[in-house]
Each structure stands twice: as structure tokens, then as C-alpha cells.
Protein backbone atom coordinates (compact mmCIF):
# COMPACT_ATOMS: atom_id res chain seq x y z
CA MET A 1 72.47 41.28 10.60
CA GLU A 2 72.38 44.55 8.80
CA PHE A 3 71.55 43.73 5.20
CA GLU A 4 71.09 47.41 4.28
CA ARG A 5 74.56 48.29 5.56
CA ILE A 6 76.10 45.35 3.67
CA LEU A 7 74.29 46.40 0.47
CA LYS A 8 75.88 49.86 0.76
CA VAL A 9 79.34 48.28 1.07
CA VAL A 10 78.64 46.07 -1.97
CA GLN A 11 77.65 49.18 -3.94
CA GLU A 12 80.89 50.88 -2.84
CA ILE A 13 82.94 47.86 -4.00
CA ILE A 14 81.19 47.91 -7.39
CA ASN A 15 81.69 51.68 -7.82
CA LYS A 16 85.45 51.60 -7.12
CA GLU A 17 88.05 51.31 -9.85
CA GLY A 18 89.41 47.85 -10.40
CA GLU A 19 89.03 44.48 -12.05
CA ARG A 20 85.67 42.68 -12.00
CA GLU A 21 87.21 39.47 -10.59
CA GLU A 22 88.71 41.34 -7.65
CA LYS A 23 85.39 43.07 -6.93
CA LEU A 24 83.56 39.73 -6.97
CA LYS A 25 86.16 38.24 -4.62
CA ARG A 26 85.75 41.16 -2.21
CA ILE A 27 81.97 40.67 -2.25
CA THR A 28 82.35 36.95 -1.41
CA LYS A 29 84.66 37.78 1.51
CA LEU A 30 82.28 40.46 2.78
CA LEU A 31 79.22 38.21 2.69
CA LYS A 32 80.98 35.28 4.37
CA LYS A 33 82.37 37.53 7.10
CA GLU A 34 79.19 39.52 7.78
CA VAL A 35 76.46 36.86 7.58
CA PRO A 36 77.01 34.10 10.16
CA HIS A 37 75.11 31.37 8.27
CA TYR A 38 76.93 31.98 4.96
CA ASP A 39 79.70 29.36 5.20
CA TRP A 40 80.66 29.26 1.50
CA VAL A 41 80.05 32.16 -0.88
CA GLY A 42 80.87 32.04 -4.55
CA PHE A 43 80.03 33.14 -8.04
CA TYR A 44 79.49 30.83 -10.97
CA LEU A 45 79.73 32.59 -14.32
CA VAL A 46 78.57 31.64 -17.79
CA GLY A 47 81.61 31.31 -20.03
CA ASP A 48 82.08 30.95 -23.76
CA GLU A 49 80.42 27.55 -23.80
CA PRO A 50 76.61 28.02 -23.78
CA GLY A 51 74.70 26.23 -21.05
CA MET A 52 77.75 25.88 -18.79
CA LEU A 53 78.62 27.55 -15.49
CA TYR A 54 82.24 28.05 -14.44
CA LEU A 55 83.42 28.63 -10.90
CA GLY A 56 84.46 32.23 -10.39
CA PRO A 57 85.67 33.98 -7.26
CA PHE A 58 84.65 32.30 -4.01
CA THR A 59 85.40 32.33 -0.28
CA GLY A 60 85.29 29.08 1.67
CA ALA A 61 86.49 25.53 1.24
CA PRO A 62 87.71 24.50 -2.22
CA THR A 63 85.18 22.69 -4.41
CA GLU A 64 85.62 20.13 -7.15
CA HIS A 65 82.59 21.61 -8.95
CA VAL A 66 84.41 24.06 -11.20
CA LYS A 67 82.15 23.45 -14.23
CA ILE A 68 78.40 22.79 -13.94
CA PRO A 69 75.99 22.25 -16.85
CA PHE A 70 72.67 24.10 -16.79
CA GLY A 71 70.06 21.79 -15.22
CA LYS A 72 72.51 19.83 -13.04
CA GLY A 73 72.47 20.33 -9.29
CA ILE A 74 70.95 23.33 -7.56
CA CYS A 75 73.25 25.77 -9.40
CA GLY A 76 72.41 24.31 -12.80
CA GLN A 77 68.68 24.29 -12.06
CA ALA A 78 68.72 27.94 -10.95
CA ALA A 79 70.49 28.91 -14.18
CA GLU A 80 68.24 26.81 -16.39
CA ARG A 81 65.01 28.07 -14.81
CA GLU A 82 66.29 31.62 -14.29
CA MET A 83 65.02 31.66 -10.72
CA THR A 84 66.28 31.67 -7.15
CA PHE A 85 66.51 28.25 -5.53
CA ILE A 86 66.46 27.78 -1.77
CA VAL A 87 67.12 24.29 -0.44
CA GLN A 88 66.77 24.23 3.33
CA ASP A 89 67.97 20.61 3.65
CA VAL A 90 70.21 19.34 0.86
CA SER A 91 69.91 15.74 2.12
CA LYS A 92 66.33 15.73 0.79
CA GLU A 93 67.35 16.81 -2.74
CA THR A 94 67.78 14.24 -5.49
CA ASN A 95 69.49 16.60 -7.98
CA TYR A 96 72.16 17.94 -5.62
CA LEU A 97 75.93 18.19 -6.21
CA SER A 98 77.59 17.83 -2.83
CA CYS A 99 80.60 20.05 -2.21
CA SER A 100 81.19 18.98 1.36
CA PRO A 101 79.47 16.82 4.00
CA ASP A 102 79.32 19.99 6.13
CA VAL A 103 76.86 21.66 3.73
CA LYS A 104 73.30 21.36 5.01
CA SER A 105 71.50 24.01 2.93
CA GLU A 106 72.01 26.19 -0.12
CA ILE A 107 70.62 29.28 -1.83
CA VAL A 108 71.41 30.09 -5.46
CA VAL A 109 70.43 33.38 -7.10
CA PRO A 110 70.81 33.92 -10.86
CA ILE A 111 72.53 37.06 -12.11
CA MET A 112 70.64 38.36 -15.13
CA LYS A 113 71.68 40.78 -17.87
CA GLY A 114 68.43 41.56 -19.61
CA GLU A 115 66.79 38.21 -20.33
CA GLU A 116 70.04 36.23 -20.14
CA VAL A 117 71.62 34.38 -17.20
CA ILE A 118 75.23 35.54 -16.98
CA GLY A 119 76.08 33.94 -13.66
CA GLU A 120 74.84 33.30 -10.16
CA ILE A 121 75.56 33.75 -6.50
CA ASP A 122 75.85 30.44 -4.65
CA ILE A 123 75.75 30.28 -0.84
CA ASP A 124 76.17 27.14 1.25
CA SER A 125 75.36 26.92 4.94
CA HIS A 126 76.36 24.37 7.55
CA GLN A 127 72.93 24.82 9.17
CA ILE A 128 69.58 23.32 8.19
CA SER A 129 66.90 25.88 7.24
CA PRO A 130 68.81 29.13 7.83
CA PHE A 131 67.57 31.02 4.75
CA THR A 132 64.62 33.40 4.96
CA ASP A 133 62.79 35.69 2.56
CA ARG A 134 65.13 38.43 3.78
CA ASP A 135 68.12 36.40 2.52
CA ARG A 136 66.40 35.92 -0.82
CA GLU A 137 65.58 39.63 -1.23
CA PHE A 138 69.06 40.66 -0.06
CA LEU A 139 70.88 38.30 -2.44
CA GLU A 140 68.59 39.13 -5.36
CA ARG A 141 69.47 42.80 -4.82
CA ILE A 142 73.18 41.92 -4.77
CA ALA A 143 72.71 39.98 -8.03
CA GLU A 144 71.19 43.11 -9.61
CA LEU A 145 74.16 45.21 -8.45
CA VAL A 146 76.70 42.62 -9.65
CA ALA A 147 75.02 42.48 -13.09
CA THR A 148 76.15 46.06 -13.65
CA LEU A 149 79.76 44.79 -13.76
CA PHE A 150 79.04 42.86 -16.99
């Protein structure tokens, strides 16, 4: 895996002319294609309703979780606490919103604009314990780049 190369492509996507939604969709497709253990890649964005995340662009199987309150599930906890969450085995989590029985692990990285959560990157994997510190650092860097779109 070449995280540095992928980061350069993400930066190119962000720098090009075009709509934010299309750029986010292209980033989800890139990450799912390039990182073998990223089986579902999506963005949840904070909408007009405070304390609520709304499903944005994603690549992977459809999900019924199109609206998630802060604090609920891994996505809601990451937003509420303003911190990256890595769950290496979702079957051991009590506050987990299951999208599919295939999902074994998840990483969620908040996207911050100043001191405010404006969204997050959510990645599901069909493997147990695939996420490393490199994934965390890589996705936190992508979150910083994506924040410039807002």
C-alpha cells in the first residue's frame, strides 16, 4: 500500500474544479479501490440539525444508517468525542450500529473545521483487526485535506 501516493491523488481531486459531493465520491472510490481492507468507505456530514450526522457520498453496499445522532454507534461517538475511533472487532462493541453482517471492524475519523466537527470518514472492513497506526495517520491526513472543501 502506498499511502503517500494515495494522499497525492486525494490532494489532486481536492484541487480540481468541481462540486464538493463529486470530489468526496471520487475519494471514497479511490480509497476502496486502493486499500484492500477498506470494504466500505463513506462520509457522514453534519447537516442543518445540530448533533446529527447524515450519510454523504459512499462506495460499498447500501446502508440503512442515513442519519446518526452524535453519541450513537461508532460514528456518533467519534463525532461527539471529536476523536478517531478504531474498533478492531465490532462483535465486542455494545454501542455499535451494524450495517452488514460482513463488517468485522471499523475506523471513524472526524473531519474538523476549527473546533467544530463538520463530518467524518467512516471505513468498514470485512477483516478483524486490519487497522494500524498507519491507517489512522493516513485517514486523519485525508480528513484534514477534506476539511478544506468546507
